[in-house]
Amino acid sequence: MTRIQRNEGSETALEFESAMQDDQRRIAFDLLYAEHAAPVYRFALRLCGNPDDAEDLAAEALAQGFRRMSGFRGDASPRTWLCSIVLNQWRMLRRKRPVDDHRLESVRHVADTFRFEDLDLAHAICSLPPQLKEAFLLVKGEGFSHAEAAKAARVPVGTMYFRVHSAVKQLRNKLTVHPTSEEVAIHHEV
């Protein structure tokens, strides 16, 4: 039986190689974070309306994305893939505990992410049913194509089109000023 002997030089080489791999992993994570942290956080905040939960969702998505990077197939953009992780994390969060995204504070956070001051619109977005809210935020909020949004939400493209259309229709209905019966009567008398 042959015995392999290690000398100090080979151990140093292994340590050096390990350090190089650690540095490369750190650089890879820094690049992922630099490019995607802000949009991933913004999407998470739009979904949940709570900055603390959004930070947790974004951090978890970035960490999971980095751990699973070797399994990334490239079927979608990295941003789409990371937003799908956020979406899944948010769905799990909603299952564990009720999320009240109708509070005024939540509505303000959502309005801030869109850079508009119309709290009625932000409240209408927050009050959409979860599936419609997800679809609307992916397509209209994040600018994904319907196909990219469908991949992120793991639904057929036709379903995504339907959900976005339904969300827009509900938003229009919520934001349209409907005259009271008195106003209608006065208008008909004139």
Protein backbone atom coordinates (compact mmCIF):
# COMPACT_ATOMS: atom_id res chain seq x y z
CA MET A 1 0.00 0.00 0.00
CA THR A 2 1.37 3.38 -1.00
CA ARG A 3 1.17 6.13 1.53
CA ILE A 4 0.67 9.68 0.32
CA GLN A 5 2.69 12.19 2.23
CA ARG A 6 1.74 15.80 2.46
CA ASN A 7 4.29 18.42 2.84
CA GLU A 8 3.70 21.89 4.19
CA GLY A 9 3.60 23.35 0.70
CA SER A 10 0.58 21.31 -0.38
CA GLU A 11 -1.39 22.26 2.75
CA THR A 12 -0.63 25.90 2.11
CA ALA A 13 -1.74 25.46 -1.50
CA LEU A 14 -5.05 23.91 -0.35
CA GLU A 15 -5.63 26.75 2.12
CA PHE A 16 -4.82 29.28 -0.58
CA GLU A 17 -7.21 27.58 -3.02
CA SER A 18 -9.95 27.52 -0.39
CA ALA A 19 -9.42 31.20 0.37
CA MET A 20 -9.61 32.01 -3.34
CA GLN A 21 -12.93 30.16 -3.62
CA ASP A 22 -14.26 32.04 -0.58
CA ASP A 23 -13.20 35.33 -2.14
CA GLN A 24 -14.87 34.43 -5.43
CA ARG A 25 -18.10 33.48 -3.62
CA ARG A 26 -18.00 36.75 -1.68
CA ILE A 27 -17.47 38.73 -4.87
CA ALA A 28 -20.29 36.84 -6.59
CA PHE A 29 -22.66 37.62 -3.70
CA ASP A 30 -21.59 41.28 -3.68
CA LEU A 31 -22.39 41.50 -7.40
CA LEU A 32 -25.77 39.84 -6.94
CA TYR A 33 -26.56 42.14 -4.02
CA ALA A 34 -25.38 45.32 -5.77
CA GLU A 35 -27.46 44.65 -8.86
CA HIS A 36 -30.64 43.23 -7.37
CA ALA A 37 -31.05 44.26 -3.72
CA ALA A 38 -32.93 47.52 -4.38
CA PRO A 39 -35.50 46.16 -6.87
CA VAL A 40 -36.04 43.01 -4.78
CA TYR A 41 -36.61 45.09 -1.65
CA ARG A 42 -38.94 47.47 -3.51
CA PHE A 43 -41.02 44.54 -4.78
CA ALA A 44 -41.15 43.00 -1.29
CA LEU A 45 -42.26 46.31 0.21
CA ARG A 46 -44.97 46.70 -2.42
CA LEU A 47 -46.23 43.23 -1.61
CA CYS A 48 -46.31 43.43 2.17
CA GLY A 49 -46.36 47.17 2.94
CA ASN A 50 -44.14 46.67 5.99
CA PRO A 51 -40.46 47.73 5.80
CA ASP A 52 -39.32 45.18 8.41
CA ASP A 53 -41.06 42.28 6.65
CA ALA A 54 -39.83 43.58 3.29
CA GLU A 55 -36.22 43.59 4.54
CA ASP A 56 -36.63 40.01 5.76
CA LEU A 57 -38.22 38.90 2.50
CA ALA A 58 -35.54 40.59 0.39
CA ALA A 59 -32.68 39.26 2.51
CA GLU A 60 -34.07 35.73 2.40
CA ALA A 61 -34.61 35.93 -1.37
CA LEU A 62 -31.05 37.14 -1.98
CA ALA A 63 -29.60 34.48 0.34
CA GLN A 64 -31.68 31.72 -1.25
CA GLY A 65 -30.86 32.98 -4.71
CA PHE A 66 -27.17 32.93 -3.94
CA ARG A 67 -27.32 29.44 -2.39
CA ARG A 68 -29.27 28.13 -5.39
CA MET A 69 -27.32 30.03 -8.06
CA SER A 70 -25.87 26.79 -9.41
CA GLY A 71 -29.43 25.60 -10.07
CA PHE A 72 -30.40 28.80 -11.91
CA ARG A 73 -31.31 27.63 -15.42
CA GLY A 74 -31.53 31.04 -17.04
CA ASP A 75 -35.14 30.54 -18.17
CA ALA A 76 -35.84 34.00 -16.77
CA SER A 77 -33.76 36.98 -15.77
CA PRO A 78 -32.09 36.84 -12.35
CA ARG A 79 -34.39 39.66 -11.19
CA THR A 80 -37.49 37.70 -12.23
CA TRP A 81 -36.11 34.64 -10.46
CA LEU A 82 -35.38 36.59 -7.27
CA CYS A 83 -38.84 38.19 -7.33
CA SER A 84 -40.37 34.72 -7.61
CA ILE A 85 -38.48 33.77 -4.44
CA VAL A 86 -39.84 36.91 -2.73
CA LEU A 87 -43.33 36.00 -3.91
CA ASN A 88 -43.07 32.49 -2.49
CA GLN A 89 -41.67 33.81 0.80
CA TRP A 90 -44.53 36.32 1.01
CA ARG A 91 -47.11 33.62 0.36
CA MET A 92 -45.61 31.53 3.17
CA LEU A 93 -45.61 34.57 5.48
CA ARG A 94 -49.31 35.17 4.74
CA ARG A 95 -50.09 31.53 5.54
CA LYS A 96 -48.25 31.71 8.88
CA ARG A 97 -49.82 34.93 10.08
CA PRO A 98 -52.41 37.35 8.76
CA VAL A 99 -50.86 40.33 7.02
CA ASP A 100 -52.75 43.61 7.36
CA ASP A 101 -51.63 45.56 4.31
CA HIS A 102 -54.63 47.92 4.43
CA ARG A 103 -53.24 50.01 7.31
CA LEU A 104 -52.53 53.63 6.46
CA GLU A 105 -48.83 53.14 7.22
CA SER A 106 -48.64 50.21 4.77
CA VAL A 107 -50.49 52.20 2.13
CA ARG A 108 -48.01 55.07 2.53
CA HIS A 109 -45.04 52.72 2.11
CA VAL A 110 -46.56 51.33 -1.09
CA ALA A 111 -47.23 54.86 -2.38
CA ASP A 112 -43.61 55.81 -1.65
CA THR A 113 -42.29 52.92 -3.75
CA PHE A 114 -44.26 54.21 -6.72
CA ARG A 115 -43.23 57.81 -5.99
CA PHE A 116 -46.77 59.12 -6.03
CA GLU A 117 -48.77 60.76 -3.32
CA ASP A 118 -52.17 59.38 -4.28
CA LEU A 119 -53.02 57.35 -1.20
CA ASP A 120 -56.34 56.33 -2.76
CA LEU A 121 -54.50 54.52 -5.55
CA ALA A 122 -52.05 52.95 -3.10
CA HIS A 123 -54.93 51.85 -0.88
CA ALA A 124 -56.74 50.39 -3.90
CA ILE A 125 -53.59 48.42 -4.83
CA CYS A 126 -53.22 47.17 -1.25
CA SER A 127 -56.87 46.08 -1.16
CA LEU A 128 -56.65 43.90 -4.29
CA PRO A 129 -57.05 40.16 -3.71
CA PRO A 130 -53.57 38.60 -3.28
CA GLN A 131 -53.36 36.93 -6.70
CA LEU A 132 -54.44 40.09 -8.52
CA LYS A 133 -52.12 42.23 -6.40
CA GLU A 134 -49.17 39.94 -7.21
CA ALA A 135 -49.93 40.04 -10.93
CA PHE A 136 -50.46 43.81 -11.00
CA LEU A 137 -47.25 44.52 -9.07
CA LEU A 138 -45.15 42.21 -11.24
CA VAL A 139 -46.39 43.59 -14.56
CA LYS A 140 -47.35 47.19 -13.86
CA GLY A 141 -45.15 47.83 -10.83
CA GLU A 142 -41.95 46.01 -11.74
CA GLY A 143 -42.32 46.28 -15.51
CA PHE A 144 -42.07 42.55 -16.20
CA SER A 145 -43.59 41.20 -19.37
CA HIS A 146 -46.63 38.99 -18.85
CA ALA A 147 -44.44 35.98 -19.68
CA GLU A 148 -41.79 36.95 -17.10
CA ALA A 149 -44.46 37.61 -14.48
CA ALA A 150 -46.09 34.27 -15.24
CA LYS A 151 -42.75 32.52 -14.65
CA ALA A 152 -42.25 34.36 -11.38
CA ALA A 153 -45.77 33.52 -10.18
CA ARG A 154 -45.61 30.01 -11.67
CA VAL A 155 -48.86 30.37 -13.59
CA PRO A 156 -49.69 30.12 -17.31
CA VAL A 157 -49.21 33.31 -19.33
CA GLY A 158 -52.93 33.49 -20.11
CA THR A 159 -53.69 33.43 -16.40
CA MET A 160 -51.28 36.32 -15.87
CA TYR A 161 -53.00 38.36 -18.60
CA PHE A 162 -56.36 37.67 -16.98
CA ARG A 163 -55.16 38.58 -13.48
CA VAL A 164 -53.55 41.85 -14.61
CA HIS A 165 -56.67 42.77 -16.58
CA SER A 166 -58.88 41.95 -13.58
CA ALA A 167 -56.63 43.98 -11.27
CA VAL A 168 -56.74 47.02 -13.55
CA LYS A 169 -60.52 46.70 -13.88
CA GLN A 170 -60.94 46.51 -10.08
CA LEU A 171 -58.61 49.47 -9.58
CA ARG A 172 -60.62 51.54 -12.07
CA ASN A 173 -63.86 50.65 -10.30
CA LYS A 174 -62.42 51.52 -6.89
CA LEU A 175 -60.99 54.82 -8.09
CA THR A 176 -63.92 55.97 -10.23
CA VAL A 177 -66.07 58.49 -8.44
CA HIS A 178 -69.57 57.11 -8.50
CA PRO A 179 -72.25 59.77 -8.12
CA THR A 180 -74.71 59.35 -5.29
CA SER A 181 -78.38 58.83 -6.08
CA GLU A 182 -79.01 62.46 -5.05
CA GLU A 183 -76.41 63.72 -7.52
CA VAL A 184 -77.95 61.59 -10.28
CA ALA A 185 -81.43 62.95 -9.49
CA ILE A 186 -80.19 66.55 -9.52
CA HIS A 187 -78.38 65.97 -12.82
CA HIS A 188 -81.55 64.57 -14.42
CA GLU A 189 -83.66 67.51 -13.19
CA VAL A 190 -81.34 70.03 -14.83
